[in-house]
N, C-alpha and C. Protein backbone atom coordinates (compact mmCIF):
# COMPACT_ATOMS: atom_id res chain seq x y z
N MET A 1 -78.66 -15.89 66.19
CA MET A 1 -78.47 -15.29 64.89
C MET A 1 -77.03 -15.50 64.46
N ALA A 2 -76.81 -16.05 63.31
CA ALA A 2 -75.46 -16.28 62.80
C ALA A 2 -74.84 -14.96 62.35
N SER A 3 -73.53 -14.90 62.39
CA SER A 3 -72.81 -13.70 61.99
C SER A 3 -72.80 -13.55 60.47
N ASP A 4 -72.78 -12.32 60.04
CA ASP A 4 -72.76 -11.95 58.63
C ASP A 4 -71.32 -12.00 58.12
N LEU A 5 -71.09 -12.65 56.99
CA LEU A 5 -69.75 -12.77 56.42
C LEU A 5 -69.11 -11.40 56.19
N ASN A 6 -69.89 -10.42 55.78
CA ASN A 6 -69.35 -9.07 55.56
C ASN A 6 -68.78 -8.49 56.85
N PHE A 7 -69.44 -8.72 57.97
CA PHE A 7 -68.94 -8.24 59.26
C PHE A 7 -67.64 -8.94 59.62
N VAL A 8 -67.58 -10.23 59.40
CA VAL A 8 -66.37 -11.01 59.72
C VAL A 8 -65.20 -10.52 58.87
N GLU A 9 -65.44 -10.27 57.61
CA GLU A 9 -64.38 -9.75 56.74
C GLU A 9 -63.93 -8.36 57.19
N TYR A 10 -64.86 -7.54 57.66
CA TYR A 10 -64.52 -6.22 58.19
C TYR A 10 -63.63 -6.35 59.43
N VAL A 11 -63.99 -7.27 60.33
CA VAL A 11 -63.18 -7.51 61.53
C VAL A 11 -61.77 -7.92 61.12
N ARG A 12 -61.66 -8.86 60.19
CA ARG A 12 -60.35 -9.30 59.73
C ARG A 12 -59.56 -8.13 59.14
N ASP A 13 -60.21 -7.31 58.34
CA ASP A 13 -59.54 -6.17 57.74
C ASP A 13 -59.06 -5.16 58.79
N GLN A 14 -59.79 -5.03 59.88
CA GLN A 14 -59.41 -4.08 60.93
C GLN A 14 -58.14 -4.52 61.66
N MET A 15 -57.82 -5.81 61.61
CA MET A 15 -56.61 -6.30 62.30
C MET A 15 -55.58 -6.85 61.33
N ASN A 16 -55.78 -6.66 60.06
CA ASN A 16 -54.92 -7.23 59.02
C ASN A 16 -53.48 -6.72 59.06
N GLU A 17 -53.26 -5.53 59.62
CA GLU A 17 -51.90 -5.00 59.71
C GLU A 17 -51.04 -5.85 60.65
N ALA A 18 -51.68 -6.67 61.47
CA ALA A 18 -50.94 -7.54 62.39
C ALA A 18 -50.18 -8.62 61.63
N GLY A 19 -50.64 -8.97 60.45
CA GLY A 19 -49.99 -10.03 59.68
C GLY A 19 -50.96 -11.10 59.27
N GLN A 20 -50.66 -12.32 59.59
CA GLN A 20 -51.38 -13.52 59.17
C GLN A 20 -52.70 -13.66 59.93
N VAL A 21 -53.73 -12.89 59.56
CA VAL A 21 -55.05 -12.97 60.19
C VAL A 21 -56.00 -13.66 59.22
N SER A 22 -56.71 -14.66 59.73
CA SER A 22 -57.67 -15.38 58.90
C SER A 22 -58.87 -15.75 59.75
N PHE A 23 -59.87 -16.33 59.13
CA PHE A 23 -61.03 -16.78 59.88
C PHE A 23 -61.54 -18.09 59.30
N LYS A 24 -62.28 -18.81 60.12
CA LYS A 24 -62.84 -20.09 59.70
C LYS A 24 -64.24 -20.20 60.30
N LYS A 25 -65.18 -20.62 59.49
CA LYS A 25 -66.55 -20.81 59.97
C LYS A 25 -66.61 -22.03 60.86
N MET A 26 -67.23 -21.85 62.03
CA MET A 26 -67.34 -22.96 62.99
C MET A 26 -68.71 -22.88 63.65
N PHE A 27 -69.51 -23.88 63.49
CA PHE A 27 -70.81 -23.99 64.14
C PHE A 27 -71.71 -22.78 63.85
N GLY A 28 -71.66 -22.25 62.65
CA GLY A 28 -72.49 -21.13 62.26
C GLY A 28 -71.92 -19.78 62.63
N GLU A 29 -70.83 -19.76 63.36
CA GLU A 29 -70.15 -18.52 63.73
C GLU A 29 -68.71 -18.61 63.21
N TYR A 30 -67.82 -17.74 63.67
CA TYR A 30 -66.47 -17.68 63.11
C TYR A 30 -65.40 -17.60 64.19
N ALA A 31 -64.29 -18.27 63.94
CA ALA A 31 -63.08 -18.15 64.76
C ALA A 31 -62.09 -17.30 63.99
N ILE A 32 -61.43 -16.37 64.69
CA ILE A 32 -60.41 -15.51 64.09
C ILE A 32 -59.06 -16.06 64.51
N TYR A 33 -58.18 -16.28 63.53
CA TYR A 33 -56.86 -16.85 63.78
C TYR A 33 -55.77 -15.80 63.52
N TYR A 34 -54.73 -15.85 64.34
CA TYR A 34 -53.52 -15.08 64.11
C TYR A 34 -52.35 -16.01 64.39
N ASP A 35 -51.47 -16.18 63.43
CA ASP A 35 -50.36 -17.13 63.57
C ASP A 35 -50.85 -18.51 63.99
N GLU A 36 -51.93 -18.96 63.37
CA GLU A 36 -52.52 -20.28 63.60
C GLU A 36 -53.13 -20.45 64.99
N LYS A 37 -53.22 -19.38 65.77
CA LYS A 37 -53.83 -19.42 67.10
C LYS A 37 -55.21 -18.78 67.02
N VAL A 38 -56.19 -19.40 67.68
CA VAL A 38 -57.51 -18.77 67.76
C VAL A 38 -57.40 -17.65 68.80
N VAL A 39 -57.58 -16.42 68.33
CA VAL A 39 -57.45 -15.26 69.22
C VAL A 39 -58.79 -14.60 69.52
N ALA A 40 -59.80 -14.92 68.72
CA ALA A 40 -61.09 -14.27 68.89
C ALA A 40 -62.20 -15.09 68.24
N LEU A 41 -63.41 -14.75 68.60
CA LEU A 41 -64.60 -15.34 68.00
C LEU A 41 -65.51 -14.22 67.55
N VAL A 42 -66.21 -14.43 66.46
CA VAL A 42 -67.26 -13.52 66.04
C VAL A 42 -68.56 -14.29 66.15
N CYS A 43 -69.43 -13.82 67.02
CA CYS A 43 -70.72 -14.47 67.27
C CYS A 43 -71.80 -13.39 67.29
N ASP A 44 -72.88 -13.62 66.59
CA ASP A 44 -73.97 -12.64 66.51
C ASP A 44 -73.47 -11.26 66.12
N ASN A 45 -72.55 -11.22 65.17
CA ASN A 45 -71.97 -9.96 64.68
C ASN A 45 -71.35 -9.12 65.79
N GLN A 46 -70.73 -9.79 66.74
CA GLN A 46 -69.97 -9.14 67.81
C GLN A 46 -68.61 -9.79 67.89
N LEU A 47 -67.58 -9.01 68.27
CA LEU A 47 -66.22 -9.52 68.38
C LEU A 47 -65.89 -9.81 69.82
N PHE A 48 -65.46 -11.05 70.06
CA PHE A 48 -65.06 -11.51 71.39
C PHE A 48 -63.59 -11.92 71.33
N ILE A 49 -62.74 -11.27 72.13
CA ILE A 49 -61.31 -11.56 72.16
C ILE A 49 -61.01 -12.48 73.34
N LYS A 50 -60.17 -13.49 73.11
CA LYS A 50 -59.77 -14.38 74.20
C LYS A 50 -59.13 -13.56 75.32
N PRO A 51 -59.51 -13.82 76.54
CA PRO A 51 -58.96 -13.04 77.65
C PRO A 51 -57.51 -13.41 77.97
N THR A 52 -56.68 -12.38 78.13
CA THR A 52 -55.29 -12.54 78.56
C THR A 52 -54.98 -11.38 79.51
N ALA A 53 -53.93 -11.54 80.30
CA ALA A 53 -53.54 -10.47 81.23
C ALA A 53 -53.15 -9.20 80.46
N GLY A 54 -52.38 -9.36 79.39
CA GLY A 54 -51.97 -8.21 78.60
C GLY A 54 -53.16 -7.51 77.96
N GLY A 55 -54.08 -8.28 77.44
CA GLY A 55 -55.28 -7.70 76.85
C GLY A 55 -56.10 -6.95 77.88
N ARG A 56 -56.20 -7.52 79.07
CA ARG A 56 -56.94 -6.88 80.16
C ARG A 56 -56.34 -5.51 80.49
N SER A 57 -55.01 -5.44 80.58
CA SER A 57 -54.37 -4.16 80.92
C SER A 57 -54.46 -3.17 79.75
N MET A 58 -54.42 -3.65 78.53
CA MET A 58 -54.50 -2.76 77.36
C MET A 58 -55.90 -2.17 77.20
N ILE A 59 -56.91 -3.00 77.38
CA ILE A 59 -58.29 -2.56 77.14
C ILE A 59 -58.73 -1.56 78.20
N GLY A 60 -58.33 -1.78 79.44
CA GLY A 60 -58.75 -0.87 80.51
C GLY A 60 -60.14 -1.21 81.00
N SER A 61 -61.14 -0.43 80.58
CA SER A 61 -62.52 -0.66 81.00
C SER A 61 -63.10 -1.78 80.14
N ILE A 62 -63.17 -2.97 80.71
CA ILE A 62 -63.51 -4.17 79.95
C ILE A 62 -64.97 -4.57 80.14
N VAL A 63 -65.58 -4.95 79.05
CA VAL A 63 -66.89 -5.60 79.09
C VAL A 63 -66.63 -7.06 78.78
N GLU A 64 -67.02 -7.94 79.68
CA GLU A 64 -66.84 -9.38 79.45
C GLU A 64 -68.20 -10.03 79.27
N ALA A 65 -68.26 -10.96 78.32
CA ALA A 65 -69.51 -11.66 78.04
C ALA A 65 -69.16 -12.98 77.35
N PRO A 66 -70.01 -14.00 77.55
CA PRO A 66 -69.77 -15.25 76.82
C PRO A 66 -70.20 -15.08 75.36
N PRO A 67 -69.37 -15.58 74.43
CA PRO A 67 -69.73 -15.45 73.01
C PRO A 67 -70.92 -16.32 72.61
N TYR A 68 -71.18 -17.36 73.37
CA TYR A 68 -72.32 -18.25 73.10
C TYR A 68 -72.74 -18.87 74.43
N PRO A 69 -73.95 -19.38 74.54
CA PRO A 69 -74.42 -19.93 75.81
C PRO A 69 -73.50 -21.05 76.33
N GLY A 70 -73.12 -20.94 77.59
CA GLY A 70 -72.28 -21.95 78.22
C GLY A 70 -70.79 -21.69 78.11
N ALA A 71 -70.39 -20.67 77.34
CA ALA A 71 -68.97 -20.36 77.16
C ALA A 71 -68.46 -19.50 78.32
N LYS A 72 -67.15 -19.56 78.53
CA LYS A 72 -66.52 -18.68 79.50
C LYS A 72 -66.53 -17.25 78.93
N PRO A 73 -66.48 -16.23 79.79
CA PRO A 73 -66.49 -14.85 79.29
C PRO A 73 -65.23 -14.51 78.49
N TYR A 74 -65.42 -13.79 77.42
CA TYR A 74 -64.36 -13.22 76.59
C TYR A 74 -64.47 -11.70 76.71
N PHE A 75 -63.48 -10.99 76.17
CA PHE A 75 -63.55 -9.53 76.13
C PHE A 75 -64.43 -9.14 74.94
N LEU A 76 -65.50 -8.43 75.20
CA LEU A 76 -66.40 -7.98 74.15
C LEU A 76 -65.90 -6.63 73.65
N ILE A 77 -65.59 -6.56 72.37
CA ILE A 77 -65.03 -5.34 71.78
C ILE A 77 -66.15 -4.57 71.09
N GLY A 78 -66.27 -3.31 71.44
CA GLY A 78 -67.31 -2.45 70.86
C GLY A 78 -66.70 -1.44 69.91
N GLU A 79 -66.74 -0.18 70.32
CA GLU A 79 -66.29 0.91 69.47
C GLU A 79 -64.81 0.84 69.11
N GLN A 80 -64.00 0.18 69.95
CA GLN A 80 -62.56 0.08 69.66
C GLN A 80 -62.30 -0.64 68.34
N LEU A 81 -63.26 -1.41 67.87
CA LEU A 81 -63.11 -2.13 66.61
C LEU A 81 -62.84 -1.16 65.45
N GLU A 82 -63.28 0.07 65.57
CA GLU A 82 -63.06 1.07 64.52
C GLU A 82 -61.61 1.52 64.42
N ASP A 83 -60.81 1.29 65.47
CA ASP A 83 -59.42 1.75 65.53
C ASP A 83 -58.49 0.63 65.09
N ARG A 84 -58.06 0.68 63.82
CA ARG A 84 -57.21 -0.38 63.24
C ARG A 84 -55.93 -0.61 64.04
N LYS A 85 -55.24 0.45 64.38
CA LYS A 85 -53.97 0.32 65.09
C LYS A 85 -54.18 -0.33 66.46
N TRP A 86 -55.20 0.09 67.14
CA TRP A 86 -55.52 -0.47 68.45
C TRP A 86 -55.84 -1.97 68.33
N MET A 87 -56.66 -2.31 67.33
CA MET A 87 -57.02 -3.72 67.11
C MET A 87 -55.79 -4.56 66.76
N THR A 88 -54.92 -4.02 65.92
CA THR A 88 -53.69 -4.73 65.55
C THR A 88 -52.85 -5.01 66.79
N ASN A 89 -52.67 -4.00 67.63
CA ASN A 89 -51.88 -4.18 68.86
C ASN A 89 -52.53 -5.20 69.79
N LEU A 90 -53.85 -5.14 69.93
CA LEU A 90 -54.54 -6.08 70.82
C LEU A 90 -54.39 -7.51 70.34
N ILE A 91 -54.54 -7.73 69.04
CA ILE A 91 -54.44 -9.09 68.50
C ILE A 91 -53.02 -9.63 68.66
N GLN A 92 -52.02 -8.81 68.40
CA GLN A 92 -50.63 -9.25 68.56
C GLN A 92 -50.33 -9.56 70.02
N LEU A 93 -50.78 -8.71 70.92
CA LEU A 93 -50.57 -8.92 72.35
C LEU A 93 -51.27 -10.20 72.82
N THR A 94 -52.51 -10.36 72.41
CA THR A 94 -53.27 -11.56 72.80
C THR A 94 -52.58 -12.83 72.31
N ALA A 95 -52.19 -12.85 71.04
CA ALA A 95 -51.54 -14.03 70.46
C ALA A 95 -50.22 -14.34 71.17
N SER A 96 -49.49 -13.31 71.57
CA SER A 96 -48.20 -13.54 72.23
C SER A 96 -48.36 -14.23 73.58
N GLU A 97 -49.54 -14.12 74.18
CA GLU A 97 -49.77 -14.73 75.49
C GLU A 97 -50.49 -16.08 75.41
N LEU A 98 -50.92 -16.46 74.25
CA LEU A 98 -51.62 -17.74 74.10
C LEU A 98 -50.63 -18.84 73.73
N PRO A 99 -50.88 -20.06 74.21
CA PRO A 99 -49.97 -21.16 73.85
C PRO A 99 -50.08 -21.51 72.37
N ALA A 100 -49.02 -22.10 71.86
CA ALA A 100 -49.03 -22.56 70.47
C ALA A 100 -50.08 -23.66 70.32
N PRO A 101 -50.71 -23.75 69.15
CA PRO A 101 -51.70 -24.81 68.95
C PRO A 101 -51.05 -26.19 69.02
N LYS A 102 -51.82 -27.13 69.54
CA LYS A 102 -51.31 -28.49 69.61
C LYS A 102 -51.18 -29.06 68.21
N PRO A 103 -50.12 -29.85 67.96
CA PRO A 103 -49.98 -30.44 66.62
C PRO A 103 -51.15 -31.38 66.33
N LYS A 104 -51.60 -31.36 65.09
CA LYS A 104 -52.70 -32.24 64.70
C LYS A 104 -52.18 -33.66 64.58
N LYS A 105 -53.01 -34.59 65.03
CA LYS A 105 -52.66 -36.00 64.93
C LYS A 105 -52.85 -36.46 63.49
N ALA A 106 -51.96 -37.33 63.05
CA ALA A 106 -52.09 -37.90 61.71
C ALA A 106 -53.32 -38.80 61.69
N LYS A 107 -54.02 -38.80 60.58
CA LYS A 107 -55.21 -39.65 60.47
C LYS A 107 -54.78 -41.11 60.45
N SER A 108 -55.58 -41.92 61.09
CA SER A 108 -55.30 -43.35 61.19
C SER A 108 -55.35 -44.01 59.82
N GLN A 109 -54.49 -44.94 59.61
CA GLN A 109 -54.46 -45.68 58.35
C GLN A 109 -55.09 -47.05 58.50
N LYS A 110 -55.98 -47.22 59.51
CA LYS A 110 -56.62 -48.51 59.75
C LYS A 110 -57.38 -49.00 58.52
N GLY A 111 -57.23 -50.24 58.26
CA GLY A 111 -57.96 -50.89 57.19
C GLY A 111 -57.44 -50.59 55.79
N LYS A 112 -56.38 -49.85 55.69
CA LYS A 112 -55.83 -49.56 54.36
C LYS A 112 -54.66 -50.47 54.10
N ILE A 113 -54.57 -50.92 52.88
CA ILE A 113 -53.50 -51.83 52.51
C ILE A 113 -52.53 -51.13 51.59
């Protein structure tokens, strides 16, 4: 089941105090970005946060699950999604531990004159 756009917008709004939070549709589901880093996925109207050591210690009692078949486990966020401040802190902490995105390669100019 694909995620509902209204739910994805709600997730973004819950972490919007963090700053530059956006989302992009990917394969029928959504990736959540913070500072150009993918920090979470929304799949089947559930929020999955990329696992980090800081996130693990902040969350405490963690439920881990793959966001889609064949994926590595992410942190599955349930009721905590209702707490804006908590979500903002988690997203900032997660992003701080993730590497910067690799620079995009320039498109090839083959065959152009």
